[in-house]
Amino acid sequence: MNALKKCHVKVGDNVAILSGKDKNKQGRIIALSPREGKAIVSGINKVKKHLKARKIGDDMGIIEVEAPIYTCKLQLICPKCNKQTRIAHRLNSKNIKVRVCKKCNNEISSR
């Protein structure tokens, strides 16, 4: 089945990590994969990658990169009240569906 899954977070959102080795850390989403239900968060879930030089002059060695993390382990941080929050969806005055903070009831912009 090739149906896309819905993610409660979007690229550019500030999120908090709920569980795992990076619990209680915060970061910004830099990439999202809805089909896998994973996101790459800056500074979170760092892993060491062994890089081999493909050409002369290419970088090689062991580097640290951010690995994907399941979106169910992420919770959005409201930009207005700076609290971890769940997301509600409501229609604004122009009848456009928008994301709303559950704690302060302010609209959360997409970017």
C-alpha atoms as a PDB file:
ATOM      1  CA  MET A   1       0.000   0.000   0.000  1.00  0.00           C
ATOM      2  CA  ASN A   2       1.485   3.331  -1.053  1.00  0.00           C
ATOM      3  CA  ALA A   3      -0.739   5.591   1.046  1.00  0.00           C
ATOM      4  CA  LEU A   4       1.099   8.426   2.775  1.00  0.00           C
ATOM      5  CA  LYS A   5       0.876   8.601   6.538  1.00  0.00           C
ATOM      6  CA  LYS A   6       0.065  11.903   8.195  1.00  0.00           C
ATOM      7  CA  CYS A   7       2.658  13.490  10.438  1.00  0.00           C
ATOM      8  CA  HIS A   8       1.738  15.863  13.249  1.00  0.00           C
ATOM      9  CA  VAL A   9       4.974  17.809  12.744  1.00  0.00           C
ATOM     10  CA  LYS A  10       6.371  19.641   9.728  1.00  0.00           C
ATOM     11  CA  VAL A  11       9.808  20.619   8.459  1.00  0.00           C
ATOM     12  CA  GLY A  12      11.072  23.637  10.392  1.00  0.00           C
ATOM     13  CA  ASP A  13       9.131  22.885  13.601  1.00  0.00           C
ATOM     14  CA  ASN A  14      10.891  22.973  16.964  1.00  0.00           C
ATOM     15  CA  VAL A  15      10.315  19.668  18.744  1.00  0.00           C
ATOM     16  CA  ALA A  16      11.159  17.969  22.024  1.00  0.00           C
ATOM     17  CA  ILE A  17      12.237  14.332  22.254  1.00  0.00           C
ATOM     18  CA  LEU A  18       9.947  12.238  24.477  1.00  0.00           C
ATOM     19  CA  SER A  19      11.962   9.022  24.798  1.00  0.00           C
ATOM     20  CA  GLY A  20      15.271   7.393  23.970  1.00  0.00           C
ATOM     21  CA  LYS A  21      18.889   8.367  24.506  1.00  0.00           C
ATOM     22  CA  ASP A  22      18.153  12.035  23.675  1.00  0.00           C
ATOM     23  CA  LYS A  23      15.134  12.387  25.982  1.00  0.00           C
ATOM     24  CA  ASN A  24      14.258  15.991  26.984  1.00  0.00           C
ATOM     25  CA  LYS A  25      16.484  17.501  24.270  1.00  0.00           C
ATOM     26  CA  GLN A  26      15.145  19.940  21.702  1.00  0.00           C
ATOM     27  CA  GLY A  27      15.866  20.489  18.027  1.00  0.00           C
ATOM     28  CA  ARG A  28      14.496  21.644  14.683  1.00  0.00           C
ATOM     29  CA  ILE A  29      13.186  19.224  12.049  1.00  0.00           C
ATOM     30  CA  ILE A  30      15.354  19.374   8.937  1.00  0.00           C
ATOM     31  CA  ALA A  31      13.853  16.451   6.968  1.00  0.00           C
ATOM     32  CA  LEU A  32      10.655  14.420   7.137  1.00  0.00           C
ATOM     33  CA  SER A  33       9.720  11.031   5.715  1.00  0.00           C
ATOM     34  CA  PRO A  34       5.953  10.512   6.140  1.00  0.00           C
ATOM     35  CA  ARG A  35       5.966   7.104   4.452  1.00  0.00           C
ATOM     36  CA  GLU A  36       8.351   5.709   7.098  1.00  0.00           C
ATOM     37  CA  GLY A  37       6.960   7.910   9.869  1.00  0.00           C
ATOM     38  CA  LYS A  38      10.431   9.286  10.628  1.00  0.00           C
ATOM     39  CA  ALA A  39      12.088  12.692  10.859  1.00  0.00           C
ATOM     40  CA  ILE A  40      15.657  13.980  11.037  1.00  0.00           C
ATOM     41  CA  VAL A  41      16.112  16.473  13.867  1.00  0.00           C
ATOM     42  CA  SER A  42      19.188  18.709  14.051  1.00  0.00           C
ATOM     43  CA  GLY A  43      21.578  17.715  16.835  1.00  0.00           C
ATOM     44  CA  ILE A  44      19.496  14.682  17.873  1.00  0.00           C
ATOM     45  CA  ASN A  45      20.131  10.923  17.452  1.00  0.00           C
ATOM     46  CA  LYS A  46      23.729  11.351  16.290  1.00  0.00           C
ATOM     47  CA  VAL A  47      25.413   8.209  14.955  1.00  0.00           C
ATOM     48  CA  LYS A  48      28.926   7.578  13.716  1.00  0.00           C
ATOM     49  CA  LYS A  49      29.239   6.823  10.018  1.00  0.00           C
ATOM     50  CA  HIS A  50      32.366   5.316   8.475  1.00  0.00           C
ATOM     51  CA  LEU A  51      33.090   7.197   5.275  1.00  0.00           C
ATOM     52  CA  LYS A  52      35.365   5.812   2.585  1.00  0.00           C
ATOM     53  CA  ALA A  53      37.028   8.137   0.067  1.00  0.00           C
ATOM     54  CA  ARG A  54      35.559   7.528  -3.392  1.00  0.00           C
ATOM     55  CA  LYS A  55      37.991   9.813  -5.239  1.00  0.00           C
ATOM     56  CA  ILE A  56      41.357  11.269  -4.438  1.00  0.00           C
ATOM     57  CA  GLY A  57      40.852  14.287  -2.202  1.00  0.00           C
ATOM     58  CA  ASP A  58      37.414  13.212  -0.871  1.00  0.00           C
ATOM     59  CA  ASP A  59      36.762  13.272   2.853  1.00  0.00           C
ATOM     60  CA  MET A  60      37.178   9.995   4.686  1.00  0.00           C
ATOM     61  CA  GLY A  61      37.095   8.720   8.230  1.00  0.00           C
ATOM     62  CA  ILE A  62      34.460   8.528  10.920  1.00  0.00           C
ATOM     63  CA  ILE A  63      31.891  11.324  10.908  1.00  0.00           C
ATOM     64  CA  GLU A  64      28.822  12.016  13.053  1.00  0.00           C
ATOM     65  CA  VAL A  65      25.474  12.418  11.300  1.00  0.00           C
ATOM     66  CA  GLU A  66      21.874  12.739  12.479  1.00  0.00           C
ATOM     67  CA  ALA A  67      19.880   9.539  12.014  1.00  0.00           C
ATOM     68  CA  PRO A  68      16.097   9.481  11.518  1.00  0.00           C
ATOM     69  CA  ILE A  69      13.872   9.178  14.593  1.00  0.00           C
ATOM     70  CA  TYR A  70      10.235   8.060  14.732  1.00  0.00           C
ATOM     71  CA  THR A  71       7.786  10.974  14.784  1.00  0.00           C
ATOM     72  CA  CYS A  72       5.797   9.361  17.606  1.00  0.00           C
ATOM     73  CA  LYS A  73       8.766  10.194  19.868  1.00  0.00           C
ATOM     74  CA  LEU A  74       8.533  13.902  18.991  1.00  0.00           C
ATOM     75  CA  GLN A  75       6.315  16.580  20.488  1.00  0.00           C
ATOM     76  CA  LEU A  76       5.881  20.037  19.043  1.00  0.00           C
ATOM     77  CA  ILE A  77       7.058  23.084  20.997  1.00  0.00           C
ATOM     78  CA  CYS A  78       4.658  26.005  20.546  1.00  0.00           C
ATOM     79  CA  PRO A  79       6.509  29.080  19.217  1.00  0.00           C
ATOM     80  CA  LYS A  80       4.227  31.431  21.181  1.00  0.00           C
ATOM     81  CA  CYS A  81       4.173  29.888  24.695  1.00  0.00           C
ATOM     82  CA  ASN A  82       7.390  27.765  24.372  1.00  0.00           C
ATOM     83  CA  LYS A  83       5.690  24.698  25.906  1.00  0.00           C
ATOM     84  CA  GLN A  84       5.472  21.141  24.670  1.00  0.00           C
ATOM     85  CA  THR A  85       2.002  20.743  23.244  1.00  0.00           C
ATOM     86  CA  ARG A  86      -0.308  18.608  21.213  1.00  0.00           C
ATOM     87  CA  ILE A  87      -1.819  20.003  18.046  1.00  0.00           C
ATOM     88  CA  ALA A  88      -5.458  20.752  17.292  1.00  0.00           C
ATOM     89  CA  HIS A  89      -6.784  21.548  13.828  1.00  0.00           C
ATOM     90  CA  ARG A  90      -9.310  24.334  13.358  1.00  0.00           C
ATOM     91  CA  LEU A  91     -10.658  26.467  10.534  1.00  0.00           C
ATOM     92  CA  ASN A  92      -9.519  30.095  10.561  1.00  0.00           C
ATOM     93  CA  SER A  93     -11.528  33.093   9.370  1.00  0.00           C
ATOM     94  CA  LYS A  94     -10.718  32.294   5.723  1.00  0.00           C
ATOM     95  CA  ASN A  95     -11.974  28.689   6.150  1.00  0.00           C
ATOM     96  CA  ILE A  96      -8.440  27.293   5.892  1.00  0.00           C
ATOM     97  CA  LYS A  97      -7.457  24.401   8.149  1.00  0.00           C
ATOM     98  CA  VAL A  98      -4.667  25.524  10.503  1.00  0.00           C
ATOM     99  CA  ARG A  99      -2.696  23.979  13.372  1.00  0.00           C
ATOM    100  CA  VAL A 100      -3.510  25.331  16.831  1.00  0.00           C
ATOM    101  CA  CYS A 101      -1.663  24.967  20.154  1.00  0.00           C
ATOM    102  CA  LYS A 102      -3.752  23.034  22.712  1.00  0.00           C
ATOM    103  CA  LYS A 103      -2.314  25.018  25.644  1.00  0.00           C
ATOM    104  CA  CYS A 104      -2.495  28.658  24.506  1.00  0.00           C
ATOM    105  CA  ASN A 105      -4.982  28.332  21.581  1.00  0.00           C
ATOM    106  CA  ASN A 106      -2.703  30.344  19.267  1.00  0.00           C
ATOM    107  CA  GLU A 107      -2.300  29.476  15.620  1.00  0.00           C
ATOM    108  CA  ILE A 108       0.941  27.702  14.711  1.00  0.00           C
ATOM    109  CA  SER A 109       2.386  28.862  11.404  1.00  0.00           C
ATOM    110  CA  SER A 110       3.707  26.325   8.943  1.00  0.00           C
ATOM    111  CA  ARG A 111       7.098  28.019   8.618  1.00  0.00           C
END
